[in-house]
Protein backbone atom coordinates (compact mmCIF):
# COMPACT_ATOMS: atom_id res chain seq x y z
CA UNK A 1 -49.96 47.36 -18.73
CA UNK A 2 -46.23 46.94 -17.43
CA UNK A 3 -43.95 49.26 -16.33
CA UNK A 4 -40.75 49.04 -18.30
CA UNK A 5 -39.29 51.44 -15.89
CA UNK A 6 -37.44 49.53 -12.64
CA UNK A 7 -39.10 50.57 -9.57
CA UNK A 8 -36.71 52.04 -6.44
CA UNK A 9 -37.71 48.53 -4.79
CA UNK A 10 -36.58 46.25 -7.52
CA UNK A 11 -33.17 48.36 -7.91
CA UNK A 12 -32.41 48.16 -4.15
CA UNK A 13 -33.02 44.19 -3.97
CA UNK A 14 -30.90 43.50 -7.08
CA UNK A 15 -28.57 45.56 -5.81
CA UNK A 16 -28.94 43.96 -2.02
CA UNK A 17 -28.39 40.45 -4.18
CA UNK A 18 -25.30 41.74 -6.12
CA UNK A 19 -23.36 42.72 -2.97
CA UNK A 20 -24.49 39.44 -0.72
CA UNK A 21 -23.05 37.24 -4.02
CA UNK A 22 -20.12 39.22 -4.60
CA UNK A 23 -19.37 38.91 -0.96
CA UNK A 24 -19.84 34.67 -0.90
CA UNK A 25 -17.16 35.27 -3.82
CA UNK A 26 -19.27 34.10 -6.45
CA UNK A 27 -18.66 37.00 -8.61
CA UNK A 28 -14.38 37.20 -7.67
CA UNK A 29 -12.55 33.84 -9.14
CA UNK A 30 -11.62 31.03 -7.03
CA UNK A 31 -8.17 31.14 -5.58
CA UNK A 32 -6.96 27.96 -4.94
CA UNK A 33 -5.44 27.81 -1.16
CA UNK A 34 -1.44 27.22 -1.28
CA UNK A 35 -1.05 23.26 0.01
CA UNK A 36 1.16 23.56 2.73
CA UNK A 37 4.51 21.52 3.11
CA UNK A 38 4.48 18.52 5.25
CA UNK A 39 6.89 19.38 8.81
CA UNK A 40 9.65 16.62 9.87
CA UNK A 41 8.13 15.30 13.28
CA UNK A 42 9.73 15.18 16.37
CA UNK A 43 11.40 10.84 16.21
CA UNK A 44 10.67 10.71 13.11
CA UNK A 45 13.80 9.93 12.23
CA UNK A 46 14.80 7.69 14.94
CA UNK A 47 16.15 4.41 13.70
CA UNK A 48 16.63 5.40 10.29
CA UNK A 49 18.96 3.93 8.01
CA UNK A 50 20.06 5.64 4.62
CA UNK A 51 19.96 3.57 1.53
CA UNK A 52 16.93 1.53 2.55
CA UNK A 53 16.31 -0.70 -0.37
CA UNK A 54 13.54 -0.50 -2.54
CA UNK A 55 11.51 -4.05 -1.38
CA UNK A 56 8.09 -5.45 -2.67
CA UNK A 57 7.22 -6.44 0.89
CA UNK A 58 8.60 -6.54 4.15
CA UNK A 59 8.53 -9.34 6.19
CA UNK A 60 5.75 -11.85 6.14
CA UNK A 61 3.40 -9.15 5.86
CA UNK A 62 -0.41 -8.75 6.94
CA UNK A 63 -0.45 -5.02 7.86
CA UNK A 64 -0.64 -1.63 5.09
CA UNK A 65 1.32 1.28 4.84
CA UNK A 66 -0.06 3.42 2.45
CA UNK A 67 -0.48 7.26 1.42
CA UNK A 68 0.85 9.70 -1.32
CA UNK A 69 3.06 12.18 -1.91
CA UNK A 70 2.19 15.67 -3.11
CA UNK A 71 4.23 19.00 -3.82
CA UNK A 72 4.00 21.67 -1.85
CA UNK A 73 2.11 24.90 -3.67
CA UNK A 74 -0.11 23.26 -5.95
CA UNK A 75 -0.28 19.82 -4.99
CA UNK A 76 0.80 17.55 -7.75
CA UNK A 77 1.08 14.38 -6.86
CA UNK A 78 4.88 12.83 -7.29
CA UNK A 79 5.39 9.84 -9.18
CA UNK A 80 8.52 7.58 -8.74
CA UNK A 81 9.27 9.21 -5.70
CA UNK A 82 11.04 6.89 -2.56
CA UNK A 83 9.69 6.39 0.53
CA UNK A 84 11.11 4.60 2.96
CA UNK A 85 9.18 2.99 5.96
CA UNK A 86 10.21 0.96 9.36
CA UNK A 87 8.65 0.49 12.41
CA UNK A 88 8.89 -2.07 15.45
CA UNK A 89 6.16 -4.99 14.21
CA UNK A 90 5.70 -8.57 15.41
CA UNK A 91 9.11 -10.05 13.21
CA UNK A 92 11.54 -7.22 14.80
CA UNK A 93 12.71 -3.80 16.26
CA UNK A 94 12.94 -0.96 14.31
CA UNK A 95 16.53 -1.02 14.90
CA UNK A 96 16.75 -4.16 12.70
CA UNK A 97 17.93 -4.34 9.02
CA UNK A 98 15.31 -6.49 8.16
CA UNK A 99 12.53 -4.13 9.54
CA UNK A 100 13.63 -1.13 7.03
CA UNK A 101 12.49 -1.64 3.53
CA UNK A 102 11.41 1.43 0.75
CA UNK A 103 8.75 1.71 -1.88
CA UNK A 104 7.82 4.32 -5.17
CA UNK A 105 5.19 5.99 -5.60
CA UNK A 106 3.26 5.43 -9.07
CA UNK A 107 1.83 7.90 -11.41
CA UNK A 108 -0.45 9.63 -8.72
CA UNK A 109 1.70 9.89 -6.30
CA UNK A 110 -0.17 6.87 -4.43
CA UNK A 111 2.73 4.60 -2.20
CA UNK A 112 1.32 0.96 -0.57
CA UNK A 113 3.85 -1.28 1.08
CA UNK A 114 3.03 -4.12 2.76
CA UNK A 115 5.15 -4.99 6.31
CA UNK A 116 4.62 -7.13 9.53
CA UNK A 117 1.90 -5.86 12.21
CA UNK A 118 3.23 -2.95 14.14
CA UNK A 119 3.42 -3.77 17.57
CA UNK A 120 3.92 -0.23 20.06
CA UNK A 121 7.05 0.72 21.11
CA UNK A 122 7.56 2.66 24.52
CA UNK A 123 3.78 2.57 24.79
CA UNK A 124 2.58 3.91 21.38
CA UNK A 125 2.28 1.66 17.83
CA UNK A 126 4.00 3.88 15.61
CA UNK A 127 5.54 3.39 12.18
CA UNK A 128 8.51 5.67 10.66
CA UNK A 129 8.42 6.79 7.35
CA UNK A 130 10.92 9.04 5.36
CA UNK A 131 11.83 10.86 1.83
CA UNK A 132 15.03 11.31 1.54
CA UNK A 133 15.01 10.36 -2.28
CA UNK A 134 17.45 13.25 -4.08
CA UNK A 135 18.25 17.04 -3.81
CA UNK A 136 15.03 18.02 -5.25
CA UNK A 137 12.71 18.16 -2.41
CA UNK A 138 13.95 18.58 1.35
CA UNK A 139 14.03 15.18 3.29
CA UNK A 140 10.89 15.04 5.47
CA UNK A 141 11.03 11.91 8.24
CA UNK A 142 7.74 11.13 10.20
CA UNK A 143 6.31 9.26 12.82
CA UNK A 144 2.59 9.20 12.70
CA UNK A 145 0.47 7.22 16.16
CA UNK A 146 -1.60 4.74 15.09
CA UNK A 147 -5.06 5.25 16.55
CA UNK A 148 -5.20 1.52 17.87
CA UNK A 149 -2.61 -1.48 18.16
CA UNK A 150 -4.90 -3.71 16.35
CA UNK A 151 -5.20 -1.29 13.26
CA UNK A 152 -4.08 -3.43 10.34
CA UNK A 153 -3.34 -0.38 8.50
CA UNK A 154 -1.51 3.24 8.28
CA UNK A 155 -2.16 6.21 5.86
CA UNK A 156 0.23 8.59 5.53
CA UNK A 157 0.28 11.40 3.42
CA UNK A 158 3.71 13.73 2.62
CA UNK A 159 3.77 16.88 0.98
CA UNK A 160 7.34 18.29 0.01
CA UNK A 161 8.87 21.43 -0.26
CA UNK A 162 11.35 21.81 -3.06
CA UNK A 163 14.51 22.43 -2.23
């Protein structure tokens, strides 16, 4: 015959399991961490040209600048956001107008723009990107450095802070 009354050992085991499980967050609903905004990088606005045209490609291509644009806080993707891109490339300096172009994000907040191969300027292979679209979000200038001058793509993600 089985005893229908729990033993002290059984109660302690169950209570201990509840404490451990609760401490690990399994009994508490998950809380999403807020997505922090991307800060402007030092040197990001160097040779910036306001109003660069939206283009299908900068120059002859061969290098891909890609990334995403999301909203700070909830991390929601932002569609139809204008991202300006420029760099020192095999076809021109970052100060040259023909080295600048812009693209729009798709429905998933992703952007992709082909451009000439980035080459080192001041000893570093780097690109410049800017979100400068409207007054809904704060302007952000980025200057990411590539791991290697031989890389043929650079992925850059923006998280924009609403104004």
